[in-house]
Every structure is written in structure tokens, then in C-alpha cells.
Amino acid sequence: MSQDFDLYRTSEEHDMLRESVRSLAEAKIAPFAAEVDEEGRFPQEARDALTLNDLHAVHVPEAYGGAGADAL
């Protein structure tokens, strides 16, 4: 593989975060998705699950209550 593509490869930290979010979404968010769509309502279950796991504002600077991660 060409090293040029390494510029576009996600870091191990990003990959771990993605796996965590995917697991959380499958377990705590997906079960409510159809109901949320059918009722056209705000997905409070998703917000609650993300907040409980400190994943609701990962891209927001720490000074404003987020985790301070990058936008990726």
C-alpha cells in the first residue's frame, strides 16, 4: 500500500472511539429509532445514552463542557 494513503487513515484513538459509539448506538439508540421516526419526535433516548457515556459533546472544547476532541 502506498504511504500517501496514510494521511487519510484514522488514528487508533479514532478507531476505538468509533467502536465505542457503534456499540452504544446498537445497544441503546437503535432499539428506539423506528419509534422516534414514526412519532417524529426528538430522540431523547439517544441524547441520554450519549450523555451518560460522555459522548454527547466530544468535539466541543473542554472550556465549554465538552471533551475537547477534534471534529473528526
C-alpha atoms as a PDB file:
ATOM      1  CA  MET A   1       0.000   0.000   0.000  1.00  0.00           C
ATOM      2  CA  SER A   2       1.234   3.483  -0.789  1.00  0.00           C
ATOM      3  CA  GLN A   3       2.283   5.685   2.118  1.00  0.00           C
ATOM      4  CA  ASP A   4       0.303   8.529   0.519  1.00  0.00           C
ATOM      5  CA  PHE A   5      -2.867   6.964   1.853  1.00  0.00           C
ATOM      6  CA  ASP A   6      -1.574   7.018   5.434  1.00  0.00           C
ATOM      7  CA  LEU A   7      -2.566  10.689   5.518  1.00  0.00           C
ATOM      8  CA  TYR A   8      -6.196   9.616   5.329  1.00  0.00           C
ATOM      9  CA  ARG A   9      -6.007   6.770   7.819  1.00  0.00           C
ATOM     10  CA  THR A  10      -7.751   7.324  11.142  1.00  0.00           C
ATOM     11  CA  SER A  11      -5.749   7.032  14.335  1.00  0.00           C
ATOM     12  CA  GLU A  12      -6.102   4.159  16.769  1.00  0.00           C
ATOM     13  CA  GLU A  13      -7.858   6.572  19.144  1.00  0.00           C
ATOM     14  CA  HIS A  14     -10.413   7.474  16.458  1.00  0.00           C
ATOM     15  CA  ASP A  15     -10.984   3.798  15.685  1.00  0.00           C
ATOM     16  CA  MET A  16     -11.571   2.997  19.370  1.00  0.00           C
ATOM     17  CA  LEU A  17     -13.998   5.894  19.692  1.00  0.00           C
ATOM     18  CA  ARG A  18     -15.872   4.757  16.599  1.00  0.00           C
ATOM     19  CA  GLU A  19     -16.176   1.226  18.018  1.00  0.00           C
ATOM     20  CA  SER A  20     -17.461   2.590  21.334  1.00  0.00           C
ATOM     21  CA  VAL A  21     -20.050   4.795  19.662  1.00  0.00           C
ATOM     22  CA  ARG A  22     -21.158   1.968  17.370  1.00  0.00           C
ATOM     23  CA  SER A  23     -21.665  -0.406  20.315  1.00  0.00           C
ATOM     24  CA  LEU A  24     -23.564   2.228  22.247  1.00  0.00           C
ATOM     25  CA  ALA A  25     -25.737   3.072  19.246  1.00  0.00           C
ATOM     26  CA  GLU A  26     -26.578  -0.573  18.591  1.00  0.00           C
ATOM     27  CA  ALA A  27     -27.441  -1.261  22.235  1.00  0.00           C
ATOM     28  CA  LYS A  28     -29.091   1.945  23.436  1.00  0.00           C
ATOM     29  CA  ILE A  29     -30.147   4.022  20.417  1.00  0.00           C
ATOM     30  CA  ALA A  30     -31.155   1.686  17.591  1.00  0.00           C
ATOM     31  CA  PRO A  31     -33.955  -0.008  19.558  1.00  0.00           C
ATOM     32  CA  PHE A  32     -35.813   3.330  19.644  1.00  0.00           C
ATOM     33  CA  ALA A  33     -35.068   4.508  16.091  1.00  0.00           C
ATOM     34  CA  ALA A  34     -38.257   3.279  14.414  1.00  0.00           C
ATOM     35  CA  GLU A  35     -40.438   4.708  17.191  1.00  0.00           C
ATOM     36  CA  VAL A  36     -38.646   8.071  17.030  1.00  0.00           C
ATOM     37  CA  ASP A  37     -39.103   8.170  13.239  1.00  0.00           C
ATOM     38  CA  GLU A  38     -42.750   7.135  13.361  1.00  0.00           C
ATOM     39  CA  GLU A  39     -43.597   9.708  16.024  1.00  0.00           C
ATOM     40  CA  GLY A  40     -41.396  12.421  14.523  1.00  0.00           C
ATOM     41  CA  ARG A  41     -40.022  13.267  17.922  1.00  0.00           C
ATOM     42  CA  PHE A  42     -36.671  14.252  19.388  1.00  0.00           C
ATOM     43  CA  PRO A  43     -34.600  11.121  20.146  1.00  0.00           C
ATOM     44  CA  GLN A  44     -34.230  11.700  23.886  1.00  0.00           C
ATOM     45  CA  GLU A  45     -33.039   8.122  24.381  1.00  0.00           C
ATOM     46  CA  ALA A  46     -30.081   8.823  22.100  1.00  0.00           C
ATOM     47  CA  ARG A  47     -29.201  12.026  23.921  1.00  0.00           C
ATOM     48  CA  ASP A  48     -29.454  10.334  27.301  1.00  0.00           C
ATOM     49  CA  ALA A  49     -27.258   7.411  26.214  1.00  0.00           C
ATOM     50  CA  LEU A  50     -24.622   9.702  24.705  1.00  0.00           C
ATOM     51  CA  THR A  51     -24.634  11.990  27.748  1.00  0.00           C
ATOM     52  CA  LEU A  52     -24.319   9.107  30.222  1.00  0.00           C
ATOM     53  CA  ASN A  53     -21.275   7.888  28.307  1.00  0.00           C
ATOM     54  CA  ASP A  54     -19.661  11.328  27.897  1.00  0.00           C
ATOM     55  CA  LEU A  55     -20.067  11.142  24.124  1.00  0.00           C
ATOM     56  CA  HIS A  56     -22.564  13.964  23.648  1.00  0.00           C
ATOM     57  CA  ALA A  57     -20.049  16.778  23.080  1.00  0.00           C
ATOM     58  CA  VAL A  58     -16.723  15.184  22.204  1.00  0.00           C
ATOM     59  CA  HIS A  59     -15.868  17.895  19.665  1.00  0.00           C
ATOM     60  CA  VAL A  60     -16.723  20.799  21.989  1.00  0.00           C
ATOM     61  CA  PRO A  61     -13.748  22.401  23.776  1.00  0.00           C
ATOM     62  CA  GLU A  62     -13.310  21.401  27.424  1.00  0.00           C
ATOM     63  CA  ALA A  63     -13.746  25.032  28.463  1.00  0.00           C
ATOM     64  CA  TYR A  64     -17.363  24.763  27.269  1.00  0.00           C
ATOM     65  CA  GLY A  65     -18.170  21.385  28.825  1.00  0.00           C
ATOM     66  CA  GLY A  66     -17.057  19.076  26.025  1.00  0.00           C
ATOM     67  CA  ALA A  67     -14.284  16.537  25.731  1.00  0.00           C
ATOM     68  CA  GLY A  68     -12.024  18.702  23.575  1.00  0.00           C
ATOM     69  CA  ALA A  69     -11.573  16.146  20.813  1.00  0.00           C
ATOM     70  CA  ASP A  70     -11.109  17.091  17.195  1.00  0.00           C
ATOM     71  CA  ALA A  71     -14.030  17.290  14.787  1.00  0.00           C
ATOM     72  CA  LEU A  72     -13.109  14.003  13.124  1.00  0.00           C
END
